[in-house]
Amino acid sequence: MNGPFVLPVRDITRRPGEMREHAFEVTLAERWGEGIVSVEAGEIVDLDVRLESVHEGILVSGTADAEYVGVCGRCLTDISAPVEVEFQELFAYPGEEETDFEVQDDHVDLETLVRDAVVLSLPFQPVCQPDCPGLDPNTGERLTASTGAESTAPIDPRWSALQQITDQDGAAESRAAEKEES
């Protein structure tokens, strides 16, 4: 077994209480994630891993740090942010019970474990900022980068008669203000 996520455990296999720690970086060969954000191929994933021998197998605990890229789910601007996940899984010795992860040839392969933890921690609806207003439904412009031109909402025809009354009041007030100035 070889690969960037494969760690040897020969020295702690079937020795409960033994522990080894590893810190290493892995450059991804393929993209992780299928949504509007993902960890791209070529990105570096930092891993801090603790391998502990227990009666049932090797208990793997650790953290993975990477950076995801994509677009904001509201305004479609490019975003990138760090992602840090913790993981823990038991790699059982072969031949005992049927498990998802097993010690194979005195090695543990962490790729599936780390990939699943990272992909599941990616945001489903990422935003560039917590209060991102999104896009203007009429113009399609980003509301955060708006030119400041005030857009008036369309008036419901059932209320248009009231608009005429407020227009008259506004005109009367402006004429009264002009008389007071003179």
N, C-alpha and C. Protein backbone atom coordinates (compact mmCIF):
# COMPACT_ATOMS: atom_id res chain seq x y z
N MET A 1 0.85 -1.18 0.00
CA MET A 1 0.00 0.00 0.00
C MET A 1 0.88 1.23 0.00
N ASN A 2 0.55 2.13 -0.90
CA ASN A 2 1.25 3.40 -0.91
C ASN A 2 0.29 4.50 -1.33
N GLY A 3 0.67 5.71 -1.09
CA GLY A 3 -0.15 6.86 -1.38
C GLY A 3 0.10 7.93 -0.34
N PRO A 4 -0.31 9.13 -0.62
CA PRO A 4 -0.01 10.23 0.30
C PRO A 4 -0.75 10.14 1.64
N PHE A 5 -1.87 9.43 1.68
CA PHE A 5 -2.66 9.34 2.91
C PHE A 5 -2.42 8.03 3.67
N VAL A 6 -1.52 7.18 3.21
CA VAL A 6 -1.28 5.88 3.83
C VAL A 6 -0.18 6.01 4.89
N LEU A 7 -0.49 5.52 6.10
CA LEU A 7 0.47 5.56 7.20
C LEU A 7 0.77 4.14 7.69
N PRO A 8 2.03 3.85 7.98
CA PRO A 8 2.38 2.52 8.50
C PRO A 8 2.02 2.43 9.98
N VAL A 9 1.53 1.25 10.38
CA VAL A 9 1.18 1.03 11.78
C VAL A 9 1.79 -0.27 12.30
N ARG A 10 2.76 -0.80 11.60
CA ARG A 10 3.36 -2.08 11.97
C ARG A 10 3.89 -2.06 13.41
N ASP A 11 4.50 -0.96 13.82
CA ASP A 11 5.12 -0.90 15.14
C ASP A 11 4.13 -0.79 16.28
N ILE A 12 2.86 -0.48 16.01
CA ILE A 12 1.87 -0.38 17.10
C ILE A 12 0.73 -1.38 16.94
N THR A 13 0.74 -2.19 15.89
CA THR A 13 -0.32 -3.17 15.67
C THR A 13 -0.36 -4.19 16.80
N ARG A 14 -1.56 -4.39 17.33
CA ARG A 14 -1.82 -5.36 18.41
C ARG A 14 -0.98 -5.09 19.66
N ARG A 15 -0.75 -3.83 19.94
CA ARG A 15 -0.05 -3.39 21.16
C ARG A 15 -0.88 -2.29 21.82
N PRO A 16 -1.97 -2.66 22.48
CA PRO A 16 -2.85 -1.65 23.09
C PRO A 16 -2.07 -0.71 24.01
N GLY A 17 -2.37 0.58 23.86
CA GLY A 17 -1.71 1.59 24.66
C GLY A 17 -0.61 2.32 23.91
N GLU A 18 -0.12 1.74 22.82
CA GLU A 18 0.92 2.40 22.02
C GLU A 18 0.28 3.50 21.17
N MET A 19 1.05 4.57 20.95
CA MET A 19 0.52 5.70 20.19
C MET A 19 1.64 6.32 19.35
N ARG A 20 1.27 6.83 18.18
CA ARG A 20 2.19 7.57 17.31
C ARG A 20 1.45 8.80 16.80
N GLU A 21 2.20 9.89 16.64
CA GLU A 21 1.62 11.11 16.08
C GLU A 21 2.35 11.45 14.79
N HIS A 22 1.60 11.95 13.83
CA HIS A 22 2.16 12.33 12.54
C HIS A 22 1.58 13.69 12.15
N ALA A 23 2.44 14.54 11.62
CA ALA A 23 2.01 15.82 11.04
C ALA A 23 2.61 15.88 9.64
N PHE A 24 1.74 16.04 8.63
CA PHE A 24 2.23 16.05 7.26
C PHE A 24 1.26 16.81 6.36
N GLU A 25 1.73 17.13 5.16
CA GLU A 25 0.92 17.83 4.17
C GLU A 25 0.72 16.92 2.97
N VAL A 26 -0.45 17.05 2.36
CA VAL A 26 -0.76 16.28 1.16
C VAL A 26 -1.28 17.25 0.11
N THR A 27 -0.74 17.16 -1.10
CA THR A 27 -1.25 17.95 -2.22
C THR A 27 -2.30 17.10 -2.93
N LEU A 28 -3.50 17.66 -3.05
CA LEU A 28 -4.61 16.89 -3.63
C LEU A 28 -4.41 16.66 -5.12
N ALA A 29 -4.67 15.45 -5.55
CA ALA A 29 -4.57 15.10 -6.96
C ALA A 29 -5.87 15.37 -7.70
N GLU A 30 -6.97 15.44 -6.96
CA GLU A 30 -8.27 15.69 -7.59
C GLU A 30 -9.09 16.63 -6.72
N ARG A 31 -10.12 17.19 -7.31
CA ARG A 31 -11.01 18.13 -6.63
C ARG A 31 -11.89 17.38 -5.63
N TRP A 32 -12.07 17.99 -4.44
CA TRP A 32 -12.96 17.43 -3.42
C TRP A 32 -14.15 18.34 -3.30
N GLY A 33 -15.33 17.82 -3.58
CA GLY A 33 -16.57 18.59 -3.46
C GLY A 33 -17.22 18.77 -4.80
N GLU A 34 -18.55 18.82 -4.79
CA GLU A 34 -19.29 18.94 -6.04
C GLU A 34 -20.24 20.13 -6.06
N GLY A 35 -20.35 20.87 -4.98
CA GLY A 35 -21.28 21.99 -4.90
C GLY A 35 -20.69 23.25 -5.50
N ILE A 36 -21.16 24.41 -5.02
CA ILE A 36 -20.65 25.66 -5.54
C ILE A 36 -19.33 26.06 -4.88
N VAL A 37 -18.91 25.30 -3.87
CA VAL A 37 -17.57 25.45 -3.30
C VAL A 37 -16.92 24.07 -3.25
N SER A 38 -15.59 24.08 -3.35
CA SER A 38 -14.86 22.82 -3.30
C SER A 38 -13.40 23.10 -2.93
N VAL A 39 -12.70 22.04 -2.59
CA VAL A 39 -11.26 22.11 -2.37
C VAL A 39 -10.65 21.64 -3.69
N GLU A 40 -9.95 22.54 -4.36
CA GLU A 40 -9.47 22.28 -5.71
C GLU A 40 -8.27 21.34 -5.75
N ALA A 41 -8.08 20.70 -6.88
CA ALA A 41 -6.90 19.86 -7.10
C ALA A 41 -5.67 20.76 -7.01
N GLY A 42 -4.62 20.26 -6.40
CA GLY A 42 -3.40 21.04 -6.21
C GLY A 42 -3.36 21.77 -4.88
N GLU A 43 -4.48 21.82 -4.18
CA GLU A 43 -4.54 22.46 -2.87
C GLU A 43 -3.82 21.58 -1.84
N ILE A 44 -3.22 22.21 -0.86
CA ILE A 44 -2.50 21.48 0.19
C ILE A 44 -3.41 21.28 1.39
N VAL A 45 -3.46 20.06 1.88
CA VAL A 45 -4.22 19.72 3.08
C VAL A 45 -3.21 19.41 4.18
N ASP A 46 -3.28 20.16 5.28
CA ASP A 46 -2.41 19.92 6.43
C ASP A 46 -3.09 18.93 7.36
N LEU A 47 -2.37 17.88 7.74
CA LEU A 47 -2.94 16.85 8.61
C LEU A 47 -2.11 16.71 9.88
N ASP A 48 -2.79 16.65 11.00
CA ASP A 48 -2.20 16.29 12.29
C ASP A 48 -2.96 15.05 12.75
N VAL A 49 -2.27 13.92 12.85
CA VAL A 49 -2.94 12.65 13.10
C VAL A 49 -2.32 11.95 14.30
N ARG A 50 -3.18 11.33 15.11
CA ARG A 50 -2.74 10.50 16.23
C ARG A 50 -3.25 9.09 15.98
N LEU A 51 -2.36 8.13 16.00
CA LEU A 51 -2.70 6.71 15.83
C LEU A 51 -2.54 6.03 17.18
N GLU A 52 -3.61 5.43 17.67
CA GLU A 52 -3.57 4.74 18.97
C GLU A 52 -3.97 3.29 18.78
N SER A 53 -3.17 2.40 19.34
CA SER A 53 -3.49 0.99 19.28
C SER A 53 -4.47 0.65 20.41
N VAL A 54 -5.58 0.02 20.04
CA VAL A 54 -6.56 -0.46 21.01
C VAL A 54 -6.81 -1.94 20.71
N HIS A 55 -7.58 -2.61 21.55
CA HIS A 55 -7.81 -4.04 21.36
C HIS A 55 -8.47 -4.36 20.03
N GLU A 56 -9.38 -3.51 19.57
CA GLU A 56 -10.14 -3.79 18.35
C GLU A 56 -9.41 -3.39 17.08
N GLY A 57 -8.41 -2.50 17.17
CA GLY A 57 -7.72 -2.03 15.98
C GLY A 57 -6.89 -0.79 16.26
N ILE A 58 -6.84 0.10 15.30
CA ILE A 58 -6.10 1.35 15.41
C ILE A 58 -7.10 2.49 15.40
N LEU A 59 -7.11 3.29 16.47
CA LEU A 59 -7.98 4.46 16.56
C LEU A 59 -7.24 5.65 15.98
N VAL A 60 -7.82 6.24 14.94
CA VAL A 60 -7.21 7.38 14.26
C VAL A 60 -7.99 8.64 14.63
N SER A 61 -7.30 9.63 15.18
CA SER A 61 -7.90 10.92 15.53
C SER A 61 -7.03 11.99 14.91
N GLY A 62 -7.65 13.10 14.53
CA GLY A 62 -6.83 14.17 13.99
C GLY A 62 -7.62 15.34 13.46
N THR A 63 -6.88 16.26 12.85
CA THR A 63 -7.48 17.44 12.22
C THR A 63 -6.93 17.58 10.82
N ALA A 64 -7.73 18.17 9.96
CA ALA A 64 -7.32 18.47 8.58
C ALA A 64 -7.65 19.93 8.31
N ASP A 65 -6.69 20.65 7.76
CA ASP A 65 -6.87 22.06 7.40
C ASP A 65 -6.65 22.21 5.91
N ALA A 66 -7.56 22.95 5.26
CA ALA A 66 -7.44 23.22 3.83
C ALA A 66 -8.14 24.54 3.55
N GLU A 67 -8.22 24.90 2.29
CA GLU A 67 -8.92 26.11 1.89
C GLU A 67 -9.84 25.77 0.73
N TYR A 68 -11.11 26.20 0.85
CA TYR A 68 -12.05 25.95 -0.24
C TYR A 68 -12.24 27.22 -1.05
N VAL A 69 -12.63 27.05 -2.31
CA VAL A 69 -12.92 28.16 -3.21
C VAL A 69 -14.25 27.90 -3.89
N GLY A 70 -14.87 28.97 -4.34
CA GLY A 70 -16.14 28.85 -5.04
C GLY A 70 -16.76 30.21 -5.22
N VAL A 71 -18.09 30.25 -5.23
CA VAL A 71 -18.81 31.51 -5.40
C VAL A 71 -19.83 31.67 -4.28
N CYS A 72 -20.14 32.92 -3.98
CA CYS A 72 -21.15 33.24 -2.98
C CYS A 72 -22.50 32.78 -3.51
N GLY A 73 -23.28 32.15 -2.67
CA GLY A 73 -24.59 31.64 -3.07
C GLY A 73 -25.63 32.72 -3.28
N ARG A 74 -25.34 33.98 -2.86
CA ARG A 74 -26.30 35.07 -3.02
C ARG A 74 -25.91 36.06 -4.12
N CYS A 75 -24.64 36.46 -4.14
CA CYS A 75 -24.25 37.50 -5.11
C CYS A 75 -23.28 37.00 -6.17
N LEU A 76 -22.90 35.76 -6.12
CA LEU A 76 -22.06 35.10 -7.13
C LEU A 76 -20.65 35.68 -7.24
N THR A 77 -20.12 36.30 -6.18
CA THR A 77 -18.72 36.73 -6.20
C THR A 77 -17.84 35.56 -5.79
N ASP A 78 -16.59 35.61 -6.24
CA ASP A 78 -15.65 34.55 -5.88
C ASP A 78 -15.31 34.64 -4.40
N ILE A 79 -15.25 33.49 -3.74
CA ILE A 79 -14.90 33.44 -2.33
C ILE A 79 -13.89 32.33 -2.10
N SER A 80 -13.12 32.47 -1.05
CA SER A 80 -12.26 31.39 -0.57
C SER A 80 -12.16 31.56 0.93
N ALA A 81 -12.14 30.45 1.62
CA ALA A 81 -12.10 30.47 3.08
C ALA A 81 -11.46 29.18 3.58
N PRO A 82 -10.90 29.24 4.77
CA PRO A 82 -10.30 28.02 5.33
C PRO A 82 -11.37 27.07 5.85
N VAL A 83 -11.05 25.81 5.83
CA VAL A 83 -11.91 24.79 6.41
C VAL A 83 -11.04 23.92 7.31
N GLU A 84 -11.49 23.73 8.54
CA GLU A 84 -10.76 22.90 9.49
C GLU A 84 -11.74 21.88 10.06
N VAL A 85 -11.37 20.62 9.99
CA VAL A 85 -12.25 19.56 10.49
C VAL A 85 -11.49 18.64 11.42
N GLU A 86 -12.24 18.07 12.33
CA GLU A 86 -11.71 17.03 13.21
C GLU A 86 -12.33 15.71 12.79
N PHE A 87 -11.58 14.65 12.92
CA PHE A 87 -12.10 13.33 12.57
C PHE A 87 -11.58 12.30 13.56
N GLN A 88 -12.33 11.22 13.68
CA GLN A 88 -11.93 10.10 14.52
C GLN A 88 -12.61 8.85 13.99
N GLU A 89 -11.83 7.80 13.82
CA GLU A 89 -12.38 6.55 13.28
C GLU A 89 -11.53 5.38 13.76
N LEU A 90 -12.18 4.25 13.95
CA LEU A 90 -11.49 3.03 14.33
C LEU A 90 -11.23 2.20 13.07
N PHE A 91 -9.97 1.90 12.82
CA PHE A 91 -9.59 0.99 11.75
C PHE A 91 -9.43 -0.38 12.40
N ALA A 92 -10.38 -1.26 12.14
CA ALA A 92 -10.40 -2.57 12.80
C ALA A 92 -9.37 -3.50 12.17
N TYR A 93 -8.94 -4.48 12.97
CA TYR A 93 -8.05 -5.50 12.45
C TYR A 93 -8.85 -6.39 11.51
N PRO A 94 -8.26 -6.87 10.42
CA PRO A 94 -9.01 -7.68 9.47
C PRO A 94 -9.43 -9.03 10.05
N GLY A 95 -10.55 -9.52 9.54
CA GLY A 95 -11.03 -10.84 9.92
C GLY A 95 -11.93 -10.87 11.13
N GLU A 96 -12.07 -9.79 11.82
CA GLU A 96 -12.94 -9.80 13.00
C GLU A 96 -14.36 -9.43 12.56
N GLU A 97 -14.81 -8.24 12.77
CA GLU A 97 -16.14 -7.84 12.34
C GLU A 97 -16.06 -7.06 11.04
N GLU A 98 -17.16 -7.01 10.32
CA GLU A 98 -17.24 -6.24 9.08
C GLU A 98 -17.32 -4.75 9.44
N THR A 99 -16.34 -3.98 8.99
CA THR A 99 -16.31 -2.55 9.28
C THR A 99 -16.03 -1.77 8.00
N ASP A 100 -16.25 -0.46 8.08
CA ASP A 100 -15.98 0.39 6.93
C ASP A 100 -14.48 0.60 6.70
N PHE A 101 -13.72 0.63 7.79
CA PHE A 101 -12.29 0.88 7.70
C PHE A 101 -11.53 -0.26 8.37
N GLU A 102 -10.48 -0.74 7.69
CA GLU A 102 -9.68 -1.84 8.24
C GLU A 102 -8.20 -1.55 8.09
N VAL A 103 -7.42 -2.13 8.98
CA VAL A 103 -5.97 -2.09 8.85
C VAL A 103 -5.62 -3.08 7.74
N GLN A 104 -4.90 -2.61 6.73
CA GLN A 104 -4.54 -3.49 5.60
C GLN A 104 -3.03 -3.51 5.45
N ASP A 105 -2.45 -4.69 5.49
CA ASP A 105 -1.00 -4.87 5.33
C ASP A 105 -0.21 -3.96 6.27
N ASP A 106 -0.65 -3.88 7.51
CA ASP A 106 -0.02 -3.05 8.54
C ASP A 106 0.05 -1.58 8.15
N HIS A 107 -0.98 -1.11 7.45
CA HIS A 107 -1.10 0.30 7.06
C HIS A 107 -2.55 0.74 7.23
N VAL A 108 -2.75 2.04 7.41
CA VAL A 108 -4.09 2.62 7.40
C VAL A 108 -4.12 3.68 6.30
N ASP A 109 -5.18 3.67 5.50
CA ASP A 109 -5.35 4.64 4.42
C ASP A 109 -6.40 5.66 4.86
N LEU A 110 -5.95 6.88 5.07
CA LEU A 110 -6.82 7.93 5.61
C LEU A 110 -7.57 8.72 4.55
N GLU A 111 -7.35 8.45 3.28
CA GLU A 111 -7.92 9.30 2.23
C GLU A 111 -9.44 9.39 2.30
N THR A 112 -10.13 8.29 2.36
CA THR A 112 -11.60 8.31 2.40
C THR A 112 -12.11 9.01 3.65
N LEU A 113 -11.48 8.73 4.77
CA LEU A 113 -11.86 9.34 6.04
C LEU A 113 -11.71 10.86 5.99
N VAL A 114 -10.57 11.34 5.53
CA VAL A 114 -10.30 12.79 5.49
C VAL A 114 -11.18 13.46 4.43
N ARG A 115 -11.29 12.86 3.26
CA ARG A 115 -12.11 13.44 2.19
C ARG A 115 -13.56 13.59 2.64
N ASP A 116 -14.12 12.56 3.25
CA ASP A 116 -15.51 12.63 3.72
C ASP A 116 -15.68 13.72 4.77
N ALA A 117 -14.74 13.83 5.69
CA ALA A 117 -14.84 14.85 6.74
C ALA A 117 -14.76 16.25 6.15
N VAL A 118 -13.86 16.46 5.20
CA VAL A 118 -13.70 17.79 4.60
C VAL A 118 -14.91 18.15 3.75
N VAL A 119 -15.34 17.25 2.89
CA VAL A 119 -16.46 17.55 1.99
C VAL A 119 -17.74 17.78 2.77
N LEU A 120 -17.98 17.01 3.82
CA LEU A 120 -19.19 17.21 4.61
C LEU A 120 -19.17 18.50 5.42
N SER A 121 -18.00 19.07 5.64
CA SER A 121 -17.93 20.33 6.39
C SER A 121 -17.99 21.56 5.50
N LEU A 122 -17.96 21.37 4.18
CA LEU A 122 -18.06 22.51 3.27
C LEU A 122 -19.47 23.11 3.39
N PRO A 123 -19.58 24.44 3.34
CA PRO A 123 -20.91 25.06 3.48
C PRO A 123 -21.79 24.73 2.28
N PHE A 124 -23.06 24.48 2.56
CA PHE A 124 -24.02 24.15 1.51
C PHE A 124 -24.42 25.41 0.74
N GLN A 125 -24.63 26.51 1.45
CA GLN A 125 -24.96 27.80 0.85
C GLN A 125 -23.94 28.83 1.34
N PRO A 126 -22.75 28.86 0.75
CA PRO A 126 -21.72 29.78 1.23
C PRO A 126 -22.06 31.22 0.87
N VAL A 127 -21.63 32.15 1.72
CA VAL A 127 -21.84 33.58 1.46
C VAL A 127 -20.52 34.31 1.63
N CYS A 128 -20.38 35.43 0.91
CA CYS A 128 -19.15 36.22 0.98
C CYS A 128 -19.05 36.97 2.30
N GLN A 129 -20.17 37.33 2.87
CA GLN A 129 -20.25 37.96 4.18
C GLN A 129 -21.58 37.56 4.79
N PRO A 130 -21.68 37.52 6.11
CA PRO A 130 -22.91 37.01 6.73
C PRO A 130 -24.18 37.77 6.34
N ASP A 131 -24.06 39.07 6.07
CA ASP A 131 -25.24 39.85 5.72
C ASP A 131 -25.27 40.22 4.24
N CYS A 132 -24.76 39.36 3.38
CA CYS A 132 -24.72 39.61 1.94
C CYS A 132 -26.15 39.80 1.42
N PRO A 133 -26.44 40.96 0.81
CA PRO A 133 -27.80 41.20 0.33
C PRO A 133 -28.14 40.50 -0.98
N GLY A 134 -27.14 40.03 -1.71
CA GLY A 134 -27.41 39.29 -2.94
C GLY A 134 -27.47 40.17 -4.16
N LEU A 135 -28.30 39.77 -5.13
CA LEU A 135 -28.44 40.47 -6.40
C LEU A 135 -29.78 41.21 -6.46
N ASP A 136 -29.78 42.34 -7.17
CA ASP A 136 -31.01 43.08 -7.41
C ASP A 136 -31.86 42.26 -8.38
N PRO A 137 -33.11 41.96 -8.04
CA PRO A 137 -33.92 41.11 -8.92
C PRO A 137 -34.27 41.78 -10.26
N ASN A 138 -34.22 43.09 -10.32
CA ASN A 138 -34.57 43.78 -11.57
C ASN A 138 -33.37 43.99 -12.48
N THR A 139 -32.27 44.47 -11.91
CA THR A 139 -31.11 44.80 -12.73
C THR A 139 -30.07 43.70 -12.77
N GLY A 140 -30.05 42.83 -11.78
CA GLY A 140 -29.06 41.76 -11.72
C GLY A 140 -27.73 42.22 -11.16
N GLU A 141 -27.65 43.50 -10.73
CA GLU A 141 -26.42 44.01 -10.13
C GLU A 141 -26.31 43.51 -8.70
N ARG A 142 -25.06 43.43 -8.25
CA ARG A 142 -24.85 43.09 -6.84
C ARG A 142 -25.30 44.27 -6.00
N LEU A 143 -26.07 44.01 -4.97
CA LEU A 143 -26.56 45.07 -4.11
C LEU A 143 -25.45 45.67 -3.26
N THR A 144 -24.39 44.93 -3.00
CA THR A 144 -23.28 45.49 -2.23
C THR A 144 -22.47 46.47 -3.06
N ALA A 145 -22.49 46.33 -4.38
CA ALA A 145 -21.74 47.22 -5.27
C ALA A 145 -22.68 48.11 -6.07
N SER A 146 -23.83 48.40 -5.53
CA SER A 146 -24.83 49.20 -6.23
C SER A 146 -24.32 50.63 -6.41
N THR A 147 -24.79 51.28 -7.45
CA THR A 147 -24.36 52.65 -7.75
C THR A 147 -25.01 53.65 -6.82
N GLY A 148 -25.91 53.23 -6.00
CA GLY A 148 -26.57 54.13 -5.07
C GLY A 148 -27.85 54.73 -5.63
N ALA A 149 -28.16 54.43 -6.86
CA ALA A 149 -29.40 54.92 -7.45
C ALA A 149 -30.56 54.24 -6.75
N GLU A 150 -31.45 55.05 -6.23
CA GLU A 150 -32.57 54.49 -5.49
C GLU A 150 -33.60 53.96 -6.46
N SER A 151 -33.92 52.73 -6.33
CA SER A 151 -34.94 52.16 -7.21
C SER A 151 -36.24 52.10 -6.43
N THR A 152 -37.28 52.58 -7.07
CA THR A 152 -38.58 52.57 -6.42
C THR A 152 -39.29 51.28 -6.75
N ALA A 153 -39.94 50.77 -5.78
CA ALA A 153 -40.68 49.53 -5.98
C ALA A 153 -41.92 49.83 -6.80
N PRO A 154 -42.32 48.92 -7.65
CA PRO A 154 -43.53 49.16 -8.42
C PRO A 154 -44.74 49.25 -7.49
N ILE A 155 -45.64 50.14 -7.83
CA ILE A 155 -46.82 50.36 -7.00
C ILE A 155 -47.95 49.45 -7.47
N ASP A 156 -48.56 48.81 -6.51
CA ASP A 156 -49.70 47.96 -6.79
C ASP A 156 -50.82 48.86 -7.32
N PRO A 157 -51.43 48.52 -8.46
CA PRO A 157 -52.47 49.38 -9.05
C PRO A 157 -53.64 49.63 -8.10
N ARG A 158 -53.86 48.72 -7.18
CA ARG A 158 -54.98 48.91 -6.25
C ARG A 158 -54.72 50.06 -5.29
N TRP A 159 -53.45 50.41 -5.10
CA TRP A 159 -53.08 51.47 -4.16
C TRP A 159 -52.63 52.74 -4.88
N SER A 160 -52.72 52.80 -6.20
CA SER A 160 -52.22 53.95 -6.94
C SER A 160 -52.97 55.24 -6.59
N ALA A 161 -54.24 55.17 -6.24
CA ALA A 161 -54.98 56.37 -5.86
C ALA A 161 -54.38 57.00 -4.62
N LEU A 162 -53.87 56.20 -3.70
CA LEU A 162 -53.24 56.74 -2.50
C LEU A 162 -51.94 57.46 -2.85
N GLN A 163 -51.24 56.99 -3.88
CA GLN A 163 -50.01 57.65 -4.30
C GLN A 163 -50.29 59.07 -4.74
N GLN A 164 -51.43 59.30 -5.42
CA GLN A 164 -51.79 60.65 -5.86
C GLN A 164 -52.02 61.55 -4.65
N ILE A 165 -52.61 61.04 -3.60
CA ILE A 165 -52.86 61.84 -2.40
C ILE A 165 -51.54 62.24 -1.75
N THR A 166 -50.60 61.30 -1.64
CA THR A 166 -49.31 61.64 -1.03
C THR A 166 -48.54 62.61 -1.89
N ASP A 167 -48.68 62.52 -3.23
CA ASP A 167 -48.02 63.48 -4.11
C ASP A 167 -48.59 64.88 -3.89
N GLN A 168 -49.90 65.00 -3.71
CA GLN A 168 -50.53 66.30 -3.48
C GLN A 168 -50.06 66.89 -2.15
N ASP A 169 -49.97 66.05 -1.12
CA ASP A 169 -49.51 66.52 0.18
C ASP A 169 -48.08 67.02 0.09
N GLY A 170 -47.24 66.32 -0.64
CA GLY A 170 -45.85 66.71 -0.80
C GLY A 170 -45.73 68.03 -1.53
N ALA A 171 -46.55 68.24 -2.56
CA ALA A 171 -46.52 69.50 -3.32
C ALA A 171 -47.02 70.64 -2.46
N ALA A 172 -48.05 70.42 -1.66
CA ALA A 172 -48.59 71.47 -0.78
C ALA A 172 -47.57 71.85 0.28
N GLU A 173 -46.85 70.87 0.83
CA GLU A 173 -45.84 71.17 1.84
C GLU A 173 -44.70 71.96 1.26
N SER A 174 -44.27 71.65 0.04
CA SER A 174 -43.16 72.37 -0.58
C SER A 174 -43.57 73.80 -0.90
N ARG A 175 -44.85 74.04 -1.32
CA ARG A 175 -45.33 75.42 -1.56
C ARG A 175 -45.38 76.19 -0.26
N ALA A 176 -45.79 75.55 0.84
CA ALA A 176 -45.83 76.24 2.14
C ALA A 176 -44.44 76.58 2.59
N ALA A 177 -43.46 75.73 2.35
CA ALA A 177 -42.08 76.02 2.73
C ALA A 177 -41.53 77.18 1.93
N GLU A 178 -41.89 77.27 0.63
CA GLU A 178 -41.43 78.37 -0.21
C GLU A 178 -41.99 79.70 0.27
N LYS A 179 -43.28 79.73 0.71
CA LYS A 179 -43.91 80.96 1.20
C LYS A 179 -43.24 81.44 2.48
N GLU A 180 -42.86 80.50 3.35
CA GLU A 180 -42.23 80.88 4.61
C GLU A 180 -40.84 81.47 4.37
N GLU A 181 -40.13 81.02 3.36
CA GLU A 181 -38.81 81.53 3.06
C GLU A 181 -38.87 82.95 2.53
N SER A 182 -39.94 83.32 1.83
CA SER A 182 -39.99 84.63 1.22
C SER A 182 -40.55 85.67 2.10
